Every structure is written in structure tokens, then in C-alpha cells.
């Protein structure tokens, strides 16, 4: 009895582990695709479930368009040096950092 039951168990549990067909249908209807491997992904996904590509875009390579990790000095795909964005303007009155093209301080309202 033990051997027969042991041979039947994998077949019984395999149906629990395999995904149902409806999950694949919903996933394939998604209009959002991974820019790296083109697999359908959920709209709110931050990473591709197939290849792990970061979908939350912080910055991109100016040469090839690959998403860059934070504090990257070179593009991981093409090796192009990362162009740093210009530093924010420092308010002479309160010392707060502002956007580079700001004319007035976001903290105190003083002219920059």
C-alpha cells in the first residue's frame, strides 16, 4: 500500500501546483509589456516577473534607453557614461535645495 500511494501522490499534487488557464488569459490581455523581454506585465508591477527588469523608471540611458539603477555611473547595457542631472539651486536665505530651473524658493518663497 505504501509504494502505490507514494506513486500516486506526485500526480495528485501536480494539479495544485500548475496554474489554471484563466490566469494566463488575464495576463496575456494586459496592454503593458516589459520593455526588455516583451512579456505582458501588470500595470502596477515594479519588476518584470519573467526577466526581473526594473519597470519603475527613475532614469534612462541617453544612448540605448535602458533603465538605469540609482547611482549608476555607466549604462549596464551599452557602457555609456551616465549624464548627471544638474544640481538644484540652493536658496541664499534659508539654504533649501530647489529645482534647477526654479526662480523662487519652494521653502521660504525668496527669489533665487
PDB file of N, CA and C in Angstrom:
ATOM      1  N   UNK A   1       0.815  -1.197   0.000  1.00  0.00           N
ATOM      2  CA  UNK A   1       0.000   0.000   0.000  1.00  0.00           C
ATOM      3  C   UNK A   1       0.860   1.263   0.000  1.00  0.00           C
ATOM      4  N   UNK A   2       1.972   1.255   0.705  1.00  0.00           N
ATOM      5  CA  UNK A   2       2.809   2.442   0.799  1.00  0.00           C
ATOM      6  C   UNK A   2       3.423   2.830  -0.524  1.00  0.00           C
ATOM      7  N   UNK A   3       3.881   1.830  -1.300  1.00  0.00           N
ATOM      8  CA  UNK A   3       4.507   2.135  -2.589  1.00  0.00           C
ATOM      9  C   UNK A   3       3.471   2.659  -3.576  1.00  0.00           C
ATOM     10  N   UNK A   4       2.298   2.068  -3.610  1.00  0.00           N
ATOM     11  CA  UNK A   4       1.251   2.504  -4.527  1.00  0.00           C
ATOM     12  C   UNK A   4       0.799   3.920  -4.233  1.00  0.00           C
ATOM     13  N   UNK A   5       0.654   4.224  -2.944  1.00  0.00           N
ATOM     14  CA  UNK A   5       0.255   5.574  -2.550  1.00  0.00           C
ATOM     15  C   UNK A   5       1.358   6.576  -2.858  1.00  0.00           C
ATOM     16  N   UNK A   6       2.608   6.165  -2.673  1.00  0.00           N
ATOM     17  CA  UNK A   6       3.739   7.038  -2.962  1.00  0.00           C
ATOM     18  C   UNK A   6       3.848   7.378  -4.437  1.00  0.00           C
ATOM     19  N   UNK A   7       3.460   6.464  -5.285  1.00  0.00           N
ATOM     20  CA  UNK A   7       3.491   6.724  -6.725  1.00  0.00           C
ATOM     21  C   UNK A   7       2.329   7.604  -7.179  1.00  0.00           C
ATOM     22  N   UNK A   8       1.224   7.579  -6.431  1.00  0.00           N
ATOM     23  CA  UNK A   8       0.059   8.381  -6.804  1.00  0.00           C
ATOM     24  C   UNK A   8       0.166   9.827  -6.333  1.00  0.00           C
ATOM     25  N   UNK A   9       0.903  10.090  -5.271  1.00  0.00           N
ATOM     26  CA  UNK A   9       0.958  11.423  -4.673  1.00  0.00           C
ATOM     27  C   UNK A   9       1.479  12.512  -5.617  1.00  0.00           C
ATOM     28  N   UNK A  10       2.572  12.293  -6.349  1.00  0.00           N
ATOM     29  CA  UNK A  10       3.033  13.377  -7.246  1.00  0.00           C
ATOM     30  C   UNK A  10       1.988  13.786  -8.273  1.00  0.00           C
ATOM     31  N   UNK A  11       1.247  12.822  -8.800  1.00  0.00           N
ATOM     32  CA  UNK A  11       0.215  13.149  -9.787  1.00  0.00           C
ATOM     33  C   UNK A  11      -0.916  13.947  -9.153  1.00  0.00           C
ATOM     34  N   UNK A  12      -1.235  13.621  -7.902  1.00  0.00           N
ATOM     35  CA  UNK A  12      -2.320  14.323  -7.214  1.00  0.00           C
ATOM     36  C   UNK A  12      -1.945  15.775  -6.918  1.00  0.00           C
ATOM     37  N   UNK A  13      -0.714  16.012  -6.521  1.00  0.00           N
ATOM     38  CA  UNK A  13      -0.294  17.361  -6.157  1.00  0.00           C
ATOM     39  C   UNK A  13       0.143  18.200  -7.350  1.00  0.00           C
ATOM     40  N   UNK A  14       0.419  17.587  -8.470  1.00  0.00           N
ATOM     41  CA  UNK A  14       0.859  18.364  -9.635  1.00  0.00           C
ATOM     42  C   UNK A  14      -0.249  19.281 -10.139  1.00  0.00           C
ATOM     43  N   UNK A  15      -1.492  18.866  -9.997  1.00  0.00           N
ATOM     44  CA  UNK A  15      -2.598  19.726 -10.443  1.00  0.00           C
ATOM     45  C   UNK A  15      -2.740  20.958  -9.549  1.00  0.00           C
ATOM     46  N   UNK A  16      -2.322  20.866  -8.290  1.00  0.00           N
ATOM     47  CA  UNK A  16      -2.382  22.014  -7.393  1.00  0.00           C
ATOM     48  C   UNK A  16      -1.290  23.023  -7.695  1.00  0.00           C
ATOM     49  N   UNK A  17      -0.149  22.546  -8.145  1.00  0.00           N
ATOM     50  CA  UNK A  17       0.991  23.426  -8.390  1.00  0.00           C
ATOM     51  C   UNK A  17       0.925  24.114  -9.748  1.00  0.00           C
ATOM     52  N   UNK A  18       0.247  23.517 -10.709  1.00  0.00           N
ATOM     53  CA  UNK A  18       0.212  24.131 -12.043  1.00  0.00           C
ATOM     54  C   UNK A  18      -0.833  25.237 -12.085  1.00  0.00           C
ATOM     55  N   UNK A  19      -0.544  26.332 -12.792  1.00  0.00           N
ATOM     56  CA  UNK A  19      -1.504  27.442 -12.872  1.00  0.00           C
ATOM     57  C   UNK A  19      -2.695  27.067 -13.736  1.00  0.00           C
ATOM     58  N   UNK A  20      -3.807  27.679 -13.474  1.00  0.00           N
ATOM     59  CA  UNK A  20      -5.005  27.433 -14.268  1.00  0.00           C
ATOM     60  C   UNK A  20      -4.949  28.243 -15.560  1.00  0.00           C
ATOM     61  N   UNK A  21      -5.746  27.867 -16.525  1.00  0.00           N
ATOM     62  CA  UNK A  21      -5.748  28.552 -17.810  1.00  0.00           C
ATOM     63  C   UNK A  21      -6.264  29.971 -17.739  1.00  0.00           C
ATOM     64  N   UNK A  22      -7.135  30.292 -16.777  1.00  0.00           N
ATOM     65  CA  UNK A  22      -7.696  31.639 -16.688  1.00  0.00           C
ATOM     66  C   UNK A  22      -6.640  32.658 -16.282  1.00  0.00           C
ATOM     67  N   UNK A  23      -5.668  32.255 -15.474  1.00  0.00           N
ATOM     68  CA  UNK A  23      -4.615  33.186 -15.078  1.00  0.00           C
ATOM     69  C   UNK A  23      -3.794  33.619 -16.285  1.00  0.00           C
ATOM     70  N   UNK A  24      -3.522  32.690 -17.194  1.00  0.00           N
ATOM     71  CA  UNK A  24      -2.747  33.041 -18.384  1.00  0.00           C
ATOM     72  C   UNK A  24      -3.540  33.942 -19.319  1.00  0.00           C
ATOM     73  N   UNK A  25      -4.855  33.737 -19.401  1.00  0.00           N
ATOM     74  CA  UNK A  25      -5.676  34.575 -20.264  1.00  0.00           C
ATOM     75  C   UNK A  25      -5.697  36.015 -19.775  1.00  0.00           C
ATOM     76  N   UNK A  26      -5.862  36.217 -18.475  1.00  0.00           N
ATOM     77  CA  UNK A  26      -5.884  37.575 -17.920  1.00  0.00           C
ATOM     78  C   UNK A  26      -4.537  38.238 -18.120  1.00  0.00           C
ATOM     79  N   UNK A  27      -3.461  37.473 -17.897  1.00  0.00           N
ATOM     80  CA  UNK A  27      -2.122  38.038 -18.030  1.00  0.00           C
ATOM     81  C   UNK A  27      -1.829  38.407 -19.485  1.00  0.00           C
ATOM     82  N   UNK A  28      -2.289  37.572 -20.439  1.00  0.00           N
ATOM     83  CA  UNK A  28      -1.982  37.855 -21.842  1.00  0.00           C
ATOM     84  C   UNK A  28      -2.799  39.030 -22.380  1.00  0.00           C
ATOM     85  N   UNK A  29      -3.891  39.406 -21.707  1.00  0.00           N
ATOM     86  CA  UNK A  29      -4.697  40.533 -22.149  1.00  0.00           C
ATOM     87  C   UNK A  29      -4.144  41.873 -21.686  1.00  0.00           C
ATOM     88  N   UNK A  30      -3.130  41.861 -20.837  1.00  0.00           N
ATOM     89  CA  UNK A  30      -2.557  43.099 -20.314  1.00  0.00           C
ATOM     90  C   UNK A  30      -1.912  43.904 -21.439  1.00  0.00           C
ATOM     91  N   UNK A  31      -2.245  45.208 -21.548  1.00  0.00           N
ATOM     92  CA  UNK A  31      -1.640  46.028 -22.595  1.00  0.00           C
ATOM     93  C   UNK A  31      -0.209  46.440 -22.264  1.00  0.00           C
ATOM     94  N   UNK A  32       0.210  46.233 -21.014  1.00  0.00           N
ATOM     95  CA  UNK A  32       1.551  46.631 -20.591  1.00  0.00           C
ATOM     96  C   UNK A  32       2.518  45.484 -20.811  1.00  0.00           C
ATOM     97  N   UNK A  33       3.662  45.798 -21.407  1.00  0.00           N
ATOM     98  CA  UNK A  33       4.671  44.770 -21.680  1.00  0.00           C
ATOM     99  C   UNK A  33       6.025  45.232 -21.164  1.00  0.00           C
ATOM    100  N   UNK A  34       6.833  44.269 -20.784  1.00  0.00           N
ATOM    101  CA  UNK A  34       8.194  44.555 -20.336  1.00  0.00           C
ATOM    102  C   UNK A  34       8.996  45.088 -21.518  1.00  0.00           C
ATOM    103  N   UNK A  35       9.709  46.204 -21.371  1.00  0.00           N
ATOM    104  CA  UNK A  35      10.490  46.730 -22.486  1.00  0.00           C
ATOM    105  C   UNK A  35      11.705  45.868 -22.819  1.00  0.00           C
ATOM    106  N   UNK A  36      12.097  44.991 -21.903  1.00  0.00           N
ATOM    107  CA  UNK A  36      13.275  44.148 -22.117  1.00  0.00           C
ATOM    108  C   UNK A  36      12.924  42.842 -22.834  1.00  0.00           C
ATOM    109  N   UNK A  37      11.915  42.084 -22.308  1.00  0.00           N
ATOM    110  CA  UNK A  37      11.590  40.767 -22.882  1.00  0.00           C
ATOM    111  C   UNK A  37      10.200  40.713 -23.520  1.00  0.00           C
ATOM    112  N   UNK A  38       9.426  41.796 -23.428  1.00  0.00           N
ATOM    113  CA  UNK A  38       8.115  41.952 -24.064  1.00  0.00           C
ATOM    114  C   UNK A  38       7.049  40.996 -23.532  1.00  0.00           C
ATOM    115  N   UNK A  39       7.190  40.524 -22.295  1.00  0.00           N
ATOM    116  CA  UNK A  39       6.196  39.675 -21.656  1.00  0.00           C
ATOM    117  C   UNK A  39       5.116  40.579 -21.053  1.00  0.00           C
ATOM    118  N   UNK A  40       3.839  40.206 -21.132  1.00  0.00           N
ATOM    119  CA  UNK A  40       2.790  41.028 -20.500  1.00  0.00           C
ATOM    120  C   UNK A  40       3.005  41.124 -18.991  1.00  0.00           C
ATOM    121  N   UNK A  41       2.855  42.325 -18.442  1.00  0.00           N
ATOM    122  CA  UNK A  41       3.018  42.546 -17.005  1.00  0.00           C
ATOM    123  C   UNK A  41       1.840  43.364 -16.490  1.00  0.00           C
ATOM    124  N   UNK A  42       1.594  43.278 -15.193  1.00  0.00           N
ATOM    125  CA  UNK A  42       0.531  44.061 -14.570  1.00  0.00           C
ATOM    126  C   UNK A  42       0.905  45.540 -14.586  1.00  0.00           C
ATOM    127  N   UNK A  43      -0.092  46.396 -14.624  1.00  0.00           N
ATOM    128  CA  UNK A  43       0.140  47.839 -14.693  1.00  0.00           C
ATOM    129  C   UNK A  43       0.923  48.345 -13.490  1.00  0.00           C
ATOM    130  N   UNK A  44       0.635  47.799 -12.302  1.00  0.00           N
ATOM    131  CA  UNK A  44       1.286  48.274 -11.087  1.00  0.00           C
ATOM    132  C   UNK A  44       2.582  47.536 -10.748  1.00  0.00           C
ATOM    133  N   UNK A  45       3.047  46.658 -11.623  1.00  0.00           N
ATOM    134  CA  UNK A  45       4.277  45.906 -11.373  1.00  0.00           C
ATOM    135  C   UNK A  45       5.494  46.825 -11.400  1.00  0.00           C
ATOM    136  N   UNK A  46       6.437  46.563 -10.502  1.00  0.00           N
ATOM    137  CA  UNK A  46       7.677  47.343 -10.464  1.00  0.00           C
ATOM    138  C   UNK A  46       8.819  46.604 -11.142  1.00  0.00           C
ATOM    139  N   UNK A  47       8.695  45.278 -11.238  1.00  0.00           N
ATOM    140  CA  UNK A  47       9.702  44.443 -11.886  1.00  0.00           C
ATOM    141  C   UNK A  47       8.993  43.437 -12.771  1.00  0.00           C
ATOM    142  N   UNK A  48       9.631  43.047 -13.868  1.00  0.00           N
ATOM    143  CA  UNK A  48       9.078  42.036 -14.763  1.00  0.00           C
ATOM    144  C   UNK A  48       9.174  40.676 -14.073  1.00  0.00           C
ATOM    145  N   UNK A  49       8.065  39.906 -14.033  1.00  0.00           N
ATOM    146  CA  UNK A  49       8.127  38.596 -13.396  1.00  0.00           C
ATOM    147  C   UNK A  49       8.941  37.574 -14.196  1.00  0.00           C
ATOM    148  N   UNK A  50       9.158  37.819 -15.471  1.00  0.00           N
ATOM    149  CA  UNK A  50       9.899  36.871 -16.300  1.00  0.00           C
ATOM    150  C   UNK A  50      11.412  37.114 -16.277  1.00  0.00           C
ATOM    151  N   UNK A  51      11.837  38.364 -16.466  1.00  0.00           N
ATOM    152  CA  UNK A  51      13.278  38.632 -16.577  1.00  0.00           C
ATOM    153  C   UNK A  51      13.830  39.478 -15.433  1.00  0.00           C
ATOM    154  N   UNK A  52      12.955  40.040 -14.582  1.00  0.00           N
ATOM    155  CA  UNK A  52      13.411  40.845 -13.456  1.00  0.00           C
ATOM    156  C   UNK A  52      13.759  42.280 -13.805  1.00  0.00           C
ATOM    157  N   UNK A  53      13.473  42.707 -15.014  1.00  0.00           N
ATOM    158  CA  UNK A  53      13.781  44.069 -15.453  1.00  0.00           C
ATOM    159  C   UNK A  53      13.005  45.076 -14.608  1.00  0.00           C
ATOM    160  N   UNK A  54      13.652  46.141 -14.195  1.00  0.00           N
ATOM    161  CA  UNK A  54      13.010  47.182 -13.393  1.00  0.00           C
ATOM    162  C   UNK A  54      12.052  47.974 -14.272  1.00  0.00           C
ATOM    163  N   UNK A  55      10.776  48.001 -13.892  1.00  0.00           N
ATOM    164  CA  UNK A  55       9.769  48.710 -14.674  1.00  0.00           C
ATOM    165  C   UNK A  55       9.524  50.121 -14.171  1.00  0.00           C
ATOM    166  N   UNK A  56       9.876  50.386 -12.928  1.00  0.00           N
ATOM    167  CA  UNK A  56       9.764  51.723 -12.358  1.00  0.00           C
ATOM    168  C   UNK A  56      10.943  52.534 -12.879  1.00  0.00           C
ATOM    169  N   UNK A  57      10.665  53.519 -13.717  1.00  0.00           N
ATOM    170  CA  UNK A  57      11.724  54.261 -14.387  1.00  0.00           C
ATOM    171  C   UNK A  57      12.155  55.444 -13.530  1.00  0.00           C
ATOM    172  N   UNK A  58      13.408  55.438 -13.133  1.00  0.00           N
ATOM    173  CA  UNK A  58      13.996  56.557 -12.407  1.00  0.00           C
ATOM    174  C   UNK A  58      14.785  57.403 -13.386  1.00  0.00           C
ATOM    175  N   UNK A  59      15.658  56.762 -14.143  1.00  0.00           N
ATOM    176  CA  UNK A  59      16.390  57.438 -15.211  1.00  0.00           C
ATOM    177  C   UNK A  59      16.746  56.412 -16.280  1.00  0.00           C
ATOM    178  N   UNK A  60      16.981  56.897 -17.491  1.00  0.00           N
ATOM    179  CA  UNK A  60      17.285  56.028 -18.610  1.00  0.00           C
ATOM    180  C   UNK A  60      18.586  56.462 -19.277  1.00  0.00           C
ATOM    181  N   UNK A  61      19.226  55.499 -19.931  1.00  0.00           N
ATOM    182  CA  UNK A  61      20.448  55.774 -20.687  1.00  0.00           C
ATOM    183  C   UNK A  61      20.099  56.655 -21.891  1.00  0.00           C
ATOM    184  N   UNK A  62      20.902  57.688 -22.126  1.00  0.00           N
ATOM    185  CA  UNK A  62      20.645  58.587 -23.251  1.00  0.00           C
ATOM    186  C   UNK A  62      20.977  57.927 -24.581  1.00  0.00           C
ATOM    187  N   UNK A  63      21.793  56.867 -24.578  1.00  0.00           N
ATOM    188  CA  UNK A  63      22.209  56.210 -25.816  1.00  0.00           C
ATOM    189  C   UNK A  63      21.272  55.069 -26.217  1.00  0.00           C
ATOM    190  N   UNK A  64      20.979  54.127 -25.278  1.00  0.00           N
ATOM    191  CA  UNK A  64      20.198  52.940 -25.644  1.00  0.00           C
ATOM    192  C   UNK A  64      18.819  52.876 -24.994  1.00  0.00           C
ATOM    193  N   UNK A  65      18.518  53.736 -24.013  1.00  0.00           N
ATOM    194  CA  UNK A  65      17.206  53.761 -23.391  1.00  0.00           C
ATOM    195  C   UNK A  65      16.997  52.772 -22.260  1.00  0.00           C
ATOM    196  N   UNK A  66      18.020  52.037 -21.859  1.00  0.00           N
ATOM    197  CA  UNK A  66      17.901  51.074 -20.755  1.00  0.00           C
ATOM    198  C   UNK A  66      17.655  51.812 -19.449  1.00  0.00           C
ATOM    199  N   UNK A  67      16.775  51.239 -18.594  1.00  0.00           N
ATOM    200  CA  UNK A  67      16.549  51.818 -17.276  1.00  0.00           C
ATOM    201  C   UNK A  67      17.824  51.697 -16.463  1.00  0.00           C
ATOM    202  N   UNK A  68      18.198  52.776 -15.798  1.00  0.00           N
ATOM    203  CA  UNK A  68      19.431  52.787 -15.017  1.00  0.00           C
ATOM    204  C   UNK A  68      19.134  52.631 -13.533  1.00  0.00           C
ATOM    205  N   UNK A  69      19.935  51.834 -12.841  1.00  0.00           N
ATOM    206  CA  UNK A  69      19.763  51.750 -11.388  1.00  0.00           C
ATOM    207  C   UNK A  69      20.209  53.054 -10.738  1.00  0.00           C
ATOM    208  N   UNK A  70      19.730  53.336  -9.512  1.00  0.00           N
ATOM    209  CA  UNK A  70      20.161  54.559  -8.832  1.00  0.00           C
ATOM    210  C   UNK A  70      21.668  54.571  -8.632  1.00  0.00           C
ATOM    211  N   UNK A  71      22.275  55.728  -8.730  1.00  0.00           N
ATOM    212  CA  UNK A  71      23.716  55.945  -8.543  1.00  0.00           C
ATOM    213  C   UNK A  71      24.583  55.226  -9.573  1.00  0.00           C
ATOM    214  N   UNK A  72      24.028  54.874 -10.731  1.00  0.00           N
ATOM    215  CA  UNK A  72      24.819  54.232 -11.782  1.00  0.00           C
ATOM    216  C   UNK A  72      25.758  55.251 -12.416  1.00  0.00           C
ATOM    217  N   UNK A  73      26.979  54.844 -12.693  1.00  0.00           N
ATOM    218  CA  UNK A  73      27.945  55.706 -13.357  1.00  0.00           C
ATOM    219  C   UNK A  73      28.033  55.383 -14.848  1.00  0.00           C
ATOM    220  N   UNK A  74      27.684  54.121 -15.214  1.00  0.00           N
ATOM    221  CA  UNK A  74      27.697  53.676 -16.601  1.00  0.00           C
ATOM    222  C   UNK A  74      26.455  52.838 -16.866  1.00  0.00           C
ATOM    223  N   UNK A  75      26.002  52.834 -18.108  1.00  0.00           N
ATOM    224  CA  UNK A  75      24.857  52.023 -18.506  1.00  0.00           C
ATOM    225  C   UNK A  75      25.248  50.547 -18.465  1.00  0.00           C
ATOM    226  N   UNK A  76      24.437  49.675 -17.836  1.00  0.00           N
ATOM    227  CA  UNK A  76      24.777  48.258 -17.788  1.00  0.00           C
ATOM    228  C   UNK A  76      24.658  47.560 -19.138  1.00  0.00           C
ATOM    229  N   UNK A  77      23.938  48.141 -20.110  1.00  0.00           N
ATOM    230  CA  UNK A  77      23.778  47.506 -21.414  1.00  0.00           C
ATOM    231  C   UNK A  77      24.867  47.941 -22.395  1.00  0.00           C
ATOM    232  N   UNK A  78      25.068  49.255 -22.552  1.00  0.00           N
ATOM    233  CA  UNK A  78      25.982  49.732 -23.605  1.00  0.00           C
ATOM    234  C   UNK A  78      27.258  50.376 -23.071  1.00  0.00           C
ATOM    235  N   UNK A  79      27.325  50.649 -21.771  1.00  0.00           N
ATOM    236  CA  UNK A  79      28.541  51.200 -21.184  1.00  0.00           C
ATOM    237  C   UNK A  79      28.686  52.708 -21.307  1.00  0.00           C
ATOM    238  N   UNK A  80      27.674  53.383 -21.803  1.00  0.00           N
ATOM    239  CA  UNK A  80      27.730  54.845 -21.934  1.00  0.00           C
ATOM    240  C   UNK A  80      27.769  55.491 -20.552  1.00  0.00           C
ATOM    241  N   UNK A  81      28.656  56.478 -20.339  1.00  0.00           N
ATOM    242  CA  UNK A  81      28.668  57.172 -19.048  1.00  0.00           C
ATOM    243  C   UNK A  81      27.325  57.861 -18.786  1.00  0.00           C
ATOM    244  N   UNK A  82      26.865  57.801 -17.549  1.00  0.00           N
ATOM    245  CA  UNK A  82      25.592  58.405 -17.170  1.00  0.00           C
ATOM    246  C   UNK A  82      25.788  59.906 -17.033  1.00  0.00           C
ATOM    247  N   UNK A  83      24.898  60.666 -17.666  1.00  0.00           N
ATOM    248  CA  UNK A  83      24.923  62.115 -17.578  1.00  0.00           C
ATOM    249  C   UNK A  83      24.135  62.504 -16.338  1.00  0.00           C
ATOM    250  N   UNK A  84      24.795  63.133 -15.396  1.00  0.00           N
ATOM    251  CA  UNK A  84      24.130  63.560 -14.168  1.00  0.00           C
ATOM    252  C   UNK A  84      23.272  64.771 -14.450  1.00  0.00           C
ATOM    253  N   UNK A  85      22.104  64.793 -13.795  1.00  0.00           N
ATOM    254  CA  UNK A  85      21.235  65.952 -13.926  1.00  0.00           C
ATOM    255  C   UNK A  85      21.864  67.119 -13.185  1.00  0.00           C
ATOM    256  N   UNK A  86      21.534  68.308 -13.619  1.00  0.00           N
ATOM    257  CA  UNK A  86      22.108  69.485 -12.974  1.00  0.00           C
ATOM    258  C   UNK A  86      21.637  69.567 -11.526  1.00  0.00           C
ATOM    259  N   UNK A  87      22.507  70.086 -10.691  1.00  0.00           N
ATOM    260  CA  UNK A  87      22.204  70.215  -9.271  1.00  0.00           C
ATOM    261  C   UNK A  87      21.121  71.260  -9.054  1.00  0.00           C
ATOM    262  N   UNK A  88      20.359  71.087  -7.993  1.00  0.00           N
ATOM    263  CA  UNK A  88      19.313  72.045  -7.653  1.00  0.00           C
ATOM    264  C   UNK A  88      19.916  73.347  -7.151  1.00  0.00           C
ATOM    265  N   UNK A  89      19.150  74.403  -7.232  1.00  0.00           N
ATOM    266  CA  UNK A  89      19.593  75.718  -6.754  1.00  0.00           C
ATOM    267  C   UNK A  89      19.426  75.763  -5.238  1.00  0.00           C
ATOM    268  N   UNK A  90      20.417  76.291  -4.551  1.00  0.00           N
ATOM    269  CA  UNK A  90      20.359  76.458  -3.102  1.00  0.00           C
ATOM    270  C   UNK A  90      19.891  77.875  -2.792  1.00  0.00           C
ATOM    271  N   UNK A  91      18.893  77.975  -1.940  1.00  0.00           N
ATOM    272  CA  UNK A  91      18.351  79.283  -1.558  1.00  0.00           C
ATOM    273  C   UNK A  91      19.356  80.016  -0.674  1.00  0.00           C
ATOM    274  N   UNK A  92      19.718  81.262  -1.013  1.00  0.00           N
ATOM    275  CA  UNK A  92      20.661  82.004  -0.190  1.00  0.00           C
ATOM    276  C   UNK A  92      20.063  82.419   1.163  1.00  0.00           C
ATOM    277  N   UNK A  93      18.734  82.462   1.259  1.00  0.00           N
ATOM    278  CA  UNK A  93      18.094  82.877   2.515  1.00  0.00           C
ATOM    279  C   UNK A  93      17.974  81.741   3.522  1.00  0.00           C
ATOM    280  N   UNK A  94      17.418  80.596   3.085  1.00  0.00           N
ATOM    281  CA  UNK A  94      17.149  79.521   4.037  1.00  0.00           C
ATOM    282  C   UNK A  94      18.006  78.278   3.815  1.00  0.00           C
ATOM    283  N   UNK A  95      18.719  78.169   2.684  1.00  0.00           N
ATOM    284  CA  UNK A  95      19.592  77.030   2.419  1.00  0.00           C
ATOM    285  C   UNK A  95      18.886  75.810   1.861  1.00  0.00           C
ATOM    286  N   UNK A  96      17.608  75.914   1.513  1.00  0.00           N
ATOM    287  CA  UNK A  96      16.849  74.782   0.974  1.00  0.00           C
ATOM    288  C   UNK A  96      17.244  74.533  -0.478  1.00  0.00           C
ATOM    289  N   UNK A  97      17.247  73.254  -0.873  1.00  0.00           N
ATOM    290  CA  UNK A  97      17.546  72.910  -2.255  1.00  0.00           C
ATOM    291  C   UNK A  97      16.263  72.990  -3.078  1.00  0.00           C
ATOM    292  N   UNK A  98      16.353  73.576  -4.258  1.00  0.00           N
ATOM    293  CA  UNK A  98      15.216  73.765  -5.151  1.00  0.00           C
ATOM    294  C   UNK A  98      15.519  73.138  -6.504  1.00  0.00           C
ATOM    295  N   UNK A  99      14.529  73.094  -7.353  1.00  0.00           N
ATOM    296  CA  UNK A  99      14.720  72.584  -8.705  1.00  0.00           C
ATOM    297  C   UNK A  99      15.694  73.472  -9.464  1.00  0.00           C
ATOM    298  N   UNK A 100      16.438  72.889 -10.436  1.00  0.00           N
ATOM    299  CA  UNK A 100      17.441  73.675 -11.147  1.00  0.00           C
ATOM    300  C   UNK A 100      16.891  74.900 -11.881  1.00  0.00           C
ATOM    301  N   UNK A 101      15.677  74.839 -12.389  1.00  0.00           N
ATOM    302  CA  UNK A 101      15.134  75.969 -13.153  1.00  0.00           C
ATOM    303  C   UNK A 101      14.176  76.836 -12.328  1.00  0.00           C
ATOM    304  N   UNK A 102      14.197  76.685 -10.994  1.00  0.00           N
ATOM    305  CA  UNK A 102      13.301  77.463 -10.131  1.00  0.00           C
ATOM    306  C   UNK A 102      13.760  78.921 -10.047  1.00  0.00           C
ATOM    307  N   UNK A 103      12.816  79.819  -9.949  1.00  0.00           N
ATOM    308  CA  UNK A 103      13.108  81.243  -9.788  1.00  0.00           C
ATOM    309  C   UNK A 103      12.882  81.699  -8.351  1.00  0.00           C
ATOM    310  N   UNK A 104      12.032  80.948  -7.634  1.00  0.00           N
ATOM    311  CA  UNK A 104      11.721  81.266  -6.245  1.00  0.00           C
ATOM    312  C   UNK A 104      11.893  80.007  -5.398  1.00  0.00           C
ATOM    313  N   UNK A 105      12.237  80.185  -4.141  1.00  0.00           N
ATOM    314  CA  UNK A 105      12.465  79.083  -3.213  1.00  0.00           C
ATOM    315  C   UNK A 105      11.145  78.391  -2.869  1.00  0.00           C
ATOM    316  N   UNK A 106      11.146  77.072  -2.893  1.00  0.00           N
ATOM    317  CA  UNK A 106       9.957  76.309  -2.522  1.00  0.00           C
ATOM    318  C   UNK A 106       9.719  76.320  -1.017  1.00  0.00           C
ATOM    319  N   UNK A 107      10.745  76.612  -0.235  1.00  0.00           N
ATOM    320  CA  UNK A 107      10.633  76.601   1.220  1.00  0.00           C
ATOM    321  C   UNK A 107      10.175  77.959   1.771  1.00  0.00           C
ATOM    322  N   UNK A 108      10.926  79.009   1.422  1.00  0.00           N
ATOM    323  CA  UNK A 108      10.637  80.323   2.026  1.00  0.00           C
ATOM    324  C   UNK A 108      10.015  81.317   1.046  1.00  0.00           C
ATOM    325  N   UNK A 109      10.041  81.008  -0.251  1.00  0.00           N
ATOM    326  CA  UNK A 109       9.454  81.904  -1.243  1.00  0.00           C
ATOM    327  C   UNK A 109      10.380  83.013  -1.704  1.00  0.00           C
ATOM    328  N   UNK A 110      11.608  83.043  -1.206  1.00  0.00           N
ATOM    329  CA  UNK A 110      12.564  84.072  -1.595  1.00  0.00           C
ATOM    330  C   UNK A 110      13.045  83.903  -3.025  1.00  0.00           C
ATOM    331  N   UNK A 111      13.486  84.990  -3.635  1.00  0.00           N
ATOM    332  CA  UNK A 111      13.984  84.957  -5.013  1.00  0.00           C
ATOM    333  C   UNK A 111      15.352  84.291  -5.039  1.00  0.00           C
ATOM    334  N   UNK A 112      15.538  83.411  -5.993  1.00  0.00           N
ATOM    335  CA  UNK A 112      16.820  82.684  -6.117  1.00  0.00           C
ATOM    336  C   UNK A 112      17.765  83.421  -7.048  1.00  0.00           C
TER     337      UNK A 112
END
